[in-house]
Structures are given as C-alpha cells and as structure tokens.
Amino acid sequence: MAKKNTDKNKKLVAFFKAIAHPTRMSIVQLLIEQEQLTVNTICEKLDLEQSLTSHHLAGMRKSGLLSSKRNGKNIYYMLSSPKIKDILNNIKELL
C-alpha cells in the first residue's frame, strides 16, 4: 500500500511542478479560455519564443497536464482533463 501512495504522490508532485511557473500557468489559463491551441498561437498570445514554448509544452504533456493531437502540420494542445479548471479554481479560492 505504501508503494501505491508513493506513486500517487509522485504524480501529484509532477502535476504541481508542471504548473509551478508563471509561463506554464499562463499557458494553462489560455487553454482554459480557448480549449485547444497550436504552439504558434500560444507564442503569439504570450509573446514567447517558439523553442521556449515548445519546451514548456513538452514538460506539461509529459506530466499529464496537457494532451495533444495532430491535424496536418499543426499540433493542437489542450488540457488533459476538464477537471483541471475546477482544481485550479478551488486552489484560487483557498488563496
């Protein structure tokens, strides 16, 4: 049972690390508002370089915070679960 809790804790820590940066939090906010966006659109809206944005998106996807889908040449990013919005709203209420 302790192993199972440790694995869950690691996933929880990875989730919070994935959003524990102002740029990544801004990306999450955009995806809450727009549901799915390409890396180019995220770059334009946040005035970020493409390489930095891609780096952030890859880490967020690896942590399970984001998912992606390809449509032609474009990759669209979206939150992996609609519950993420609720979780963040609950945390904001605590603050």
C-alpha atoms as a PDB file:
ATOM      1  CA  MET A   1       0.000   0.000   0.000  1.00  0.00           C
ATOM      2  CA  ALA A   2       2.864   2.401   0.765  1.00  0.00           C
ATOM      3  CA  LYS A   3       4.235   1.921  -2.782  1.00  0.00           C
ATOM      4  CA  LYS A   4       0.854   2.859  -4.268  1.00  0.00           C
ATOM      5  CA  ASN A   5       0.700   6.045  -2.169  1.00  0.00           C
ATOM      6  CA  THR A   6       4.260   6.924  -3.167  1.00  0.00           C
ATOM      7  CA  ASP A   7       3.370   6.586  -6.856  1.00  0.00           C
ATOM      8  CA  LYS A   8       0.291   8.775  -6.394  1.00  0.00           C
ATOM      9  CA  ASN A   9       2.344  11.366  -4.527  1.00  0.00           C
ATOM     10  CA  LYS A  10       4.907  11.432  -7.332  1.00  0.00           C
ATOM     11  CA  LYS A  11       2.147  12.050  -9.874  1.00  0.00           C
ATOM     12  CA  LEU A  12       0.706  14.801  -7.697  1.00  0.00           C
ATOM     13  CA  VAL A  13       4.091  16.491  -7.355  1.00  0.00           C
ATOM     14  CA  ALA A  14       4.657  16.233 -11.137  1.00  0.00           C
ATOM     15  CA  PHE A  15       1.260  17.873 -11.728  1.00  0.00           C
ATOM     16  CA  PHE A  16       2.033  20.824  -9.462  1.00  0.00           C
ATOM     17  CA  LYS A  17       5.545  21.200 -10.881  1.00  0.00           C
ATOM     18  CA  ALA A  18       4.002  21.356 -14.344  1.00  0.00           C
ATOM     19  CA  ILE A  19       2.065  24.493 -13.448  1.00  0.00           C
ATOM     20  CA  ALA A  20       4.517  25.987 -10.934  1.00  0.00           C
ATOM     21  CA  HIS A  21       5.930  28.554 -13.327  1.00  0.00           C
ATOM     22  CA  PRO A  22       4.357  31.831 -14.486  1.00  0.00           C
ATOM     23  CA  THR A  23       4.680  30.941 -18.183  1.00  0.00           C
ATOM     24  CA  ARG A  24       3.157  27.493 -17.734  1.00  0.00           C
ATOM     25  CA  MET A  25       0.345  28.942 -15.639  1.00  0.00           C
ATOM     26  CA  SER A  26      -0.315  31.457 -18.440  1.00  0.00           C
ATOM     27  CA  ILE A  27      -0.460  28.597 -20.942  1.00  0.00           C
ATOM     28  CA  VAL A  28      -2.978  26.775 -18.739  1.00  0.00           C
ATOM     29  CA  GLN A  29      -5.093  29.938 -18.483  1.00  0.00           C
ATOM     30  CA  LEU A  30      -5.093  30.283 -22.269  1.00  0.00           C
ATOM     31  CA  LEU A  31      -6.159  26.672 -22.676  1.00  0.00           C
ATOM     32  CA  ILE A  32      -8.941  27.119 -20.146  1.00  0.00           C
ATOM     33  CA  GLU A  33     -10.230  30.045 -22.218  1.00  0.00           C
ATOM     34  CA  GLN A  34      -9.641  28.633 -25.722  1.00  0.00           C
ATOM     35  CA  GLU A  35      -9.748  24.838 -25.134  1.00  0.00           C
ATOM     36  CA  GLN A  36      -7.098  23.994 -27.746  1.00  0.00           C
ATOM     37  CA  LEU A  37      -4.315  25.982 -29.361  1.00  0.00           C
ATOM     38  CA  THR A  38      -1.266  25.455 -31.543  1.00  0.00           C
ATOM     39  CA  VAL A  39       2.207  26.290 -30.291  1.00  0.00           C
ATOM     40  CA  ASN A  40       2.318  29.240 -32.730  1.00  0.00           C
ATOM     41  CA  THR A  41      -0.894  30.707 -31.349  1.00  0.00           C
ATOM     42  CA  ILE A  42       0.346  30.297 -27.772  1.00  0.00           C
ATOM     43  CA  CYS A  43       3.607  32.040 -28.744  1.00  0.00           C
ATOM     44  CA  GLU A  44       1.727  34.946 -30.312  1.00  0.00           C
ATOM     45  CA  LYS A  45      -0.696  35.410 -27.427  1.00  0.00           C
ATOM     46  CA  LEU A  46       2.024  35.256 -24.739  1.00  0.00           C
ATOM     47  CA  ASP A  47       4.786  36.939 -26.768  1.00  0.00           C
ATOM     48  CA  LEU A  48       7.143  33.975 -26.302  1.00  0.00           C
ATOM     49  CA  GLU A  49       9.762  32.324 -28.476  1.00  0.00           C
ATOM     50  CA  GLN A  50       8.671  29.091 -30.132  1.00  0.00           C
ATOM     51  CA  SER A  51      11.533  26.998 -28.718  1.00  0.00           C
ATOM     52  CA  LEU A  52      10.814  28.062 -25.129  1.00  0.00           C
ATOM     53  CA  THR A  53       7.086  27.492 -25.561  1.00  0.00           C
ATOM     54  CA  SER A  54       7.660  24.044 -27.061  1.00  0.00           C
ATOM     55  CA  HIS A  55       9.910  23.172 -24.124  1.00  0.00           C
ATOM     56  CA  HIS A  56       7.223  24.148 -21.631  1.00  0.00           C
ATOM     57  CA  LEU A  57       4.514  22.295 -23.565  1.00  0.00           C
ATOM     58  CA  ALA A  58       6.589  19.106 -23.750  1.00  0.00           C
ATOM     59  CA  GLY A  59       7.106  19.075 -19.991  1.00  0.00           C
ATOM     60  CA  MET A  60       3.448  19.785 -19.336  1.00  0.00           C
ATOM     61  CA  ARG A  61       2.434  16.975 -21.677  1.00  0.00           C
ATOM     62  CA  LYS A  62       4.903  14.570 -20.056  1.00  0.00           C
ATOM     63  CA  SER A  63       3.453  15.329 -16.621  1.00  0.00           C
ATOM     64  CA  GLY A  64      -0.057  14.527 -17.851  1.00  0.00           C
ATOM     65  CA  LEU A  65      -1.330  18.091 -17.542  1.00  0.00           C
ATOM     66  CA  LEU A  66      -1.748  18.512 -21.305  1.00  0.00           C
ATOM     67  CA  SER A  67      -2.596  16.287 -24.201  1.00  0.00           C
ATOM     68  CA  SER A  68      -2.102  16.981 -27.890  1.00  0.00           C
ATOM     69  CA  LYS A  69      -3.387  15.976 -31.287  1.00  0.00           C
ATOM     70  CA  ARG A  70      -2.004  16.460 -34.761  1.00  0.00           C
ATOM     71  CA  ASN A  71      -4.068  17.947 -37.577  1.00  0.00           C
ATOM     72  CA  GLY A  72      -1.955  18.157 -40.713  1.00  0.00           C
ATOM     73  CA  LYS A  73       1.183  20.129 -39.907  1.00  0.00           C
ATOM     74  CA  ASN A  74      -0.264  21.580 -36.713  1.00  0.00           C
ATOM     75  CA  ILE A  75      -0.201  20.089 -33.240  1.00  0.00           C
ATOM     76  CA  TYR A  76      -3.018  21.268 -31.003  1.00  0.00           C
ATOM     77  CA  TYR A  77      -2.561  21.334 -27.243  1.00  0.00           C
ATOM     78  CA  MET A  78      -5.350  21.061 -24.716  1.00  0.00           C
ATOM     79  CA  LEU A  79      -5.807  20.332 -21.026  1.00  0.00           C
ATOM     80  CA  SER A  80      -5.837  16.590 -20.428  1.00  0.00           C
ATOM     81  CA  SER A  81      -8.986  16.839 -18.304  1.00  0.00           C
ATOM     82  CA  PRO A  82     -11.744  19.424 -17.824  1.00  0.00           C
ATOM     83  CA  LYS A  83     -11.349  18.833 -14.070  1.00  0.00           C
ATOM     84  CA  ILE A  84      -8.094  20.802 -14.155  1.00  0.00           C
ATOM     85  CA  LYS A  85     -10.067  24.029 -14.444  1.00  0.00           C
ATOM     86  CA  ASP A  86     -12.078  23.095 -11.337  1.00  0.00           C
ATOM     87  CA  ILE A  87      -8.942  22.145  -9.416  1.00  0.00           C
ATOM     88  CA  LEU A  88      -7.301  25.481 -10.193  1.00  0.00           C
ATOM     89  CA  ASN A  89     -10.445  27.411  -9.307  1.00  0.00           C
ATOM     90  CA  ASN A  90     -10.577  25.615  -5.937  1.00  0.00           C
ATOM     91  CA  ILE A  91      -6.938  26.440  -5.261  1.00  0.00           C
ATOM     92  CA  LYS A  92      -7.548  30.108  -6.166  1.00  0.00           C
ATOM     93  CA  GLU A  93     -10.411  30.183  -3.647  1.00  0.00           C
ATOM     94  CA  LEU A  94      -8.042  28.960  -0.946  1.00  0.00           C
ATOM     95  CA  LEU A  95      -5.660  31.800  -1.701  1.00  0.00           C
END
